[in-house]
Protein backbone atom coordinates (compact mmCIF):
# COMPACT_ATOMS: atom_id res chain seq x y z
CA MET A 1 -55.01 146.12 -59.77
CA LYS A 2 -58.53 145.51 -58.22
CA LEU A 3 -60.48 142.36 -58.14
CA LEU A 4 -64.66 142.80 -59.37
CA PRO A 5 -66.44 139.29 -58.44
CA VAL A 6 -66.04 136.51 -57.04
CA LEU A 7 -67.91 133.01 -56.76
CA SER A 8 -67.13 130.32 -54.11
CA VAL A 9 -68.31 126.83 -55.57
CA ALA A 10 -67.51 123.82 -54.94
CA PHE A 11 -63.93 122.75 -55.99
CA SER A 12 -60.53 121.69 -54.78
CA LEU A 13 -58.71 124.82 -53.73
CA ALA A 14 -60.39 128.33 -51.51
CA VAL A 15 -60.16 132.32 -53.04
CA THR A 16 -60.13 133.99 -49.89
CA GLY A 17 -59.53 137.13 -51.63
CA TYR A 18 -56.86 139.48 -52.75
CA ALA A 19 -56.67 142.27 -49.64
CA ALA A 20 -57.43 146.13 -50.33
CA SER A 21 -54.10 147.37 -50.06
CA ALA A 22 -50.36 145.49 -49.50
CA LEU A 23 -50.66 142.71 -46.64
CA ALA A 24 -48.61 141.73 -44.15
CA ALA A 25 -45.47 138.83 -45.06
CA HIS A 26 -46.48 134.70 -45.27
CA HIS A 27 -42.92 134.38 -45.18
CA GLU A 28 -40.62 136.52 -43.13
CA SER A 29 -38.26 136.00 -46.04
CA GLY A 30 -40.44 138.36 -47.80
CA GLU A 31 -43.53 139.04 -50.55
CA HIS A 32 -45.35 141.20 -52.76
CA ALA A 33 -48.51 141.50 -52.41
CA VAL A 34 -51.63 142.66 -54.76
CA ALA A 35 -53.82 145.76 -53.64
CA ALA A 36 -57.32 144.47 -54.86
CA GLU A 37 -60.57 145.04 -53.60
CA LEU A 38 -63.60 142.54 -53.86
CA ASN A 39 -66.89 142.63 -55.52
CA THR A 40 -70.12 140.00 -56.03
CA ALA A 41 -70.73 139.51 -59.19
CA ASP A 42 -70.41 135.48 -60.55
CA THR A 43 -68.64 133.51 -63.26
CA VAL A 44 -68.71 129.89 -63.14
CA TRP A 45 -66.20 127.39 -65.03
CA ALA A 46 -68.16 124.91 -67.19
CA SER A 47 -66.11 122.85 -64.73
CA GLY A 48 -67.63 123.50 -61.67
CA GLY A 49 -64.63 126.28 -60.85
CA ARG A 50 -64.98 129.05 -59.37
CA ALA A 51 -63.55 132.00 -61.39
CA VAL A 52 -62.39 135.58 -59.82
CA VAL A 53 -62.97 138.45 -62.26
CA ALA A 54 -60.15 141.47 -62.25
CA GLU A 55 -59.50 144.38 -63.35
CA VAL A 56 -55.39 146.14 -63.79
CA GLU A 57 -54.42 149.33 -65.47
CA GLY A 58 -50.92 148.83 -66.14
CA GLU A 59 -48.33 149.89 -68.86
CA VAL A 60 -47.61 147.12 -71.49
CA THR A 61 -43.79 145.85 -71.58
CA ALA A 62 -44.78 143.38 -73.72
CA ILE A 63 -47.04 141.66 -76.64
CA ASP A 64 -46.40 138.70 -78.44
CA LEU A 65 -49.07 138.26 -81.79
CA GLU A 66 -48.51 134.75 -82.33
CA THR A 67 -49.76 133.73 -78.97
CA ARG A 68 -51.61 136.66 -77.90
CA GLU A 69 -50.33 137.40 -75.00
CA VAL A 70 -49.95 140.89 -73.27
CA VAL A 71 -47.21 141.76 -70.43
CA VAL A 72 -48.55 144.58 -68.19
CA ARG A 73 -46.60 146.32 -65.32
CA GLY A 74 -49.45 147.26 -62.93
CA PRO A 75 -49.17 150.72 -60.51
CA ALA A 76 -47.18 148.76 -58.16
CA GLY A 77 -44.26 147.11 -59.91
CA ASN A 78 -45.97 143.51 -60.25
CA PHE A 79 -46.26 142.40 -63.97
CA LEU A 80 -48.83 140.43 -64.97
CA THR A 81 -48.85 137.93 -68.05
CA LEU A 82 -52.87 138.63 -69.79
CA SER A 83 -54.28 136.27 -73.02
CA ALA A 84 -56.37 137.50 -75.43
CA ARG A 85 -58.57 135.07 -77.63
CA GLU A 86 -57.95 135.40 -81.16
CA ASP A 87 -61.94 136.42 -81.45
CA GLY A 88 -62.27 138.34 -78.51
CA VAL A 89 -60.22 141.50 -78.03
CA ASP A 90 -58.36 143.28 -80.31
CA LEU A 91 -54.71 144.13 -79.80
CA SER A 92 -53.91 145.29 -83.07
CA ASN A 93 -53.68 148.94 -81.78
CA ILE A 94 -51.96 148.38 -78.79
CA ALA A 95 -47.89 148.88 -78.25
CA VAL A 96 -45.45 148.53 -76.02
CA GLY A 97 -45.55 151.42 -73.56
CA ASP A 98 -49.20 152.05 -74.05
CA THR A 99 -51.02 152.15 -70.85
CA ILE A 100 -54.04 150.47 -70.72
CA VAL A 101 -57.20 148.79 -68.28
CA ALA A 102 -58.26 144.96 -68.66
CA ASP A 103 -60.98 143.55 -67.25
CA TYR A 104 -59.79 139.73 -67.10
CA ILE A 105 -61.06 136.57 -65.53
CA ALA A 106 -58.03 135.64 -62.98
CA SER A 107 -55.44 132.65 -62.89
CA ILE A 108 -56.92 130.19 -60.49
CA GLU A 109 -54.78 127.41 -58.75
CA ALA A 110 -55.62 123.56 -58.91
CA GLU A 111 -52.06 122.68 -57.60
CA VAL A 112 -48.55 123.55 -56.21
CA ARG A 113 -46.08 121.11 -56.12
CA ALA A 114 -42.26 119.66 -56.62
CA PRO A 115 -42.42 119.15 -60.79
CA THR A 116 -41.06 115.28 -61.75
CA GLU A 117 -38.08 114.60 -64.08
CA GLU A 118 -40.30 114.39 -66.75
CA GLU A 119 -42.21 117.77 -65.85
CA ALA A 120 -38.84 119.91 -65.46
CA ALA A 121 -38.36 118.50 -69.20
CA ASN A 122 -41.33 120.38 -71.01
CA PRO A 123 -42.29 123.37 -68.15
CA TRP A 124 -44.92 124.53 -70.03
CA ILE A 125 -48.17 122.07 -71.50
CA VAL A 126 -51.61 122.93 -71.81
CA VAL A 127 -52.95 120.97 -70.09
CA GLY A 128 -56.60 121.73 -71.80
CA GLU A 129 -59.04 124.32 -71.47
CA MET A 130 -62.41 125.89 -69.44
CA GLY A 131 -64.56 127.87 -70.51
CA ASN A 132 -67.30 129.71 -68.33
CA THR A 133 -71.19 129.07 -67.91
CA THR A 134 -72.16 132.90 -66.82
CA ASP A 135 -75.31 134.20 -69.13
CA ASP A 136 -72.72 137.71 -69.70
CA ALA A 137 -72.35 138.15 -73.34
CA GLU A 138 -68.36 140.01 -72.41
CA MET A 139 -67.16 136.69 -70.75
CA THR A 140 -68.97 134.27 -73.60
CA ALA A 141 -67.60 136.15 -76.07
CA ALA A 142 -64.32 135.61 -74.55
CA GLY A 143 -63.90 132.19 -75.50
CA ALA A 144 -61.95 129.63 -72.72
CA ALA A 145 -58.91 130.20 -70.77
CA ARG A 146 -56.36 127.36 -71.11
CA LEU A 147 -55.63 124.99 -68.36
CA VAL A 148 -51.66 125.56 -68.25
CA ARG A 149 -49.09 123.06 -66.10
CA ALA A 150 -45.95 124.75 -66.24
CA VAL A 151 -42.54 124.83 -63.89
CA CYS A 152 -42.74 127.77 -62.70
CA THR A 153 -40.38 129.90 -60.12
CA ILE A 154 -41.97 131.46 -56.70
CA GLU A 155 -41.46 135.57 -56.88
CA ALA A 156 -43.98 136.60 -54.56
CA MET A 157 -46.75 135.62 -52.31
CA ASP A 158 -48.89 136.69 -49.37
CA ARG A 159 -51.19 135.61 -46.61
CA ASN A 160 -54.56 135.60 -48.72
CA GLY A 161 -52.71 133.02 -50.80
CA ASN A 162 -52.18 135.20 -53.71
CA VAL A 163 -48.55 133.68 -55.52
CA VAL A 164 -46.76 135.45 -58.83
CA ILE A 165 -44.62 132.69 -60.53
CA LYS A 166 -42.35 133.13 -63.67
CA ASP A 167 -42.74 130.65 -66.54
CA ALA A 168 -39.55 129.36 -67.91
CA ARG A 169 -41.04 131.82 -70.86
CA ASP A 170 -38.91 134.61 -68.15
CA ARG A 171 -43.52 135.37 -68.21
CA MET A 172 -44.82 136.21 -64.89
CA HIS A 173 -48.57 135.33 -63.74
CA THR A 174 -50.23 136.01 -60.63
CA VAL A 175 -52.46 132.59 -59.17
CA GLY A 176 -55.33 133.67 -56.62
CA GLY A 177 -56.46 131.03 -54.26
CA VAL A 178 -54.15 128.86 -53.55
CA GLU A 179 -54.54 127.20 -50.09
CA LEU A 180 -52.62 127.72 -47.69
CA GLU A 181 -51.27 124.32 -46.77
CA LYS A 182 -49.56 124.12 -49.86
CA LEU A 183 -47.17 126.97 -49.40
CA ASP A 184 -45.83 126.21 -45.64
CA ASN A 185 -42.75 124.93 -47.03
CA VAL A 186 -42.08 127.27 -50.04
CA ARG A 187 -40.09 129.45 -50.57
CA LEU A 188 -39.42 132.55 -52.83
CA GLY A 189 -37.04 131.33 -55.63
CA ASP A 190 -38.39 127.99 -55.34
CA THR A 191 -39.32 125.79 -58.21
CA VAL A 192 -42.36 124.19 -58.34
CA VAL A 193 -45.44 123.41 -60.91
CA VAL A 194 -48.58 124.90 -60.65
CA VAL A 195 -51.15 123.73 -62.72
CA PHE A 196 -53.62 127.01 -63.46
CA THR A 197 -56.34 128.60 -65.66
CA GLU A 198 -54.44 131.65 -67.45
CA ALA A 199 -55.63 135.04 -67.40
CA LEU A 200 -58.35 135.48 -69.82
CA VAL A 201 -59.37 139.20 -71.19
CA LEU A 202 -62.36 139.84 -71.20
CA SER A 203 -62.16 143.65 -72.56
CA LEU A 204 -59.13 146.03 -72.91
CA LYS A 205 -58.65 149.54 -73.97
CA GLU A 206 -55.54 151.65 -73.98
CA VAL A 207 -56.31 155.32 -71.52
């Protein structure tokens, strides 16, 4: 997976970017990193938060047409859940086993902490939507990404603040921009609450 545009703006987190190759461990207990490459175009959420646009090529391992989610296994074996708005991307011709290339607005973290009892009882809550203010017609057509509060387990992380989480539905998400201080006491397998935007598909095609 490689990153395309990134824009730094005022927000409660710092996107430090993905590395161009596998990264050194953030914790000695081990990690998995996401290969990437930075570029310079701009995307901004209407809320003022930053957004990162990325590209992934991989095999489709699951499709849920009801929720319009596509799970992709990337070249490094990492799994990514992509969300497609109904009026943005046609999923009707995509099947499990297909190899696809997708551009998407990547998940950006806003909070990582231990869950409360109430949150543990309701592990997946859509708390709102975040639209973008870009002039790019393709991004505008993609619609607004859902802001989710999820109780997840930590599956992987690296020293650039990229975290792979598994939600209560066993879906995997790659979340970027996590402040390293928030990971000081976090270990692989820990259960945490993460507030993040879903990975919203801009374009998707079979290869």
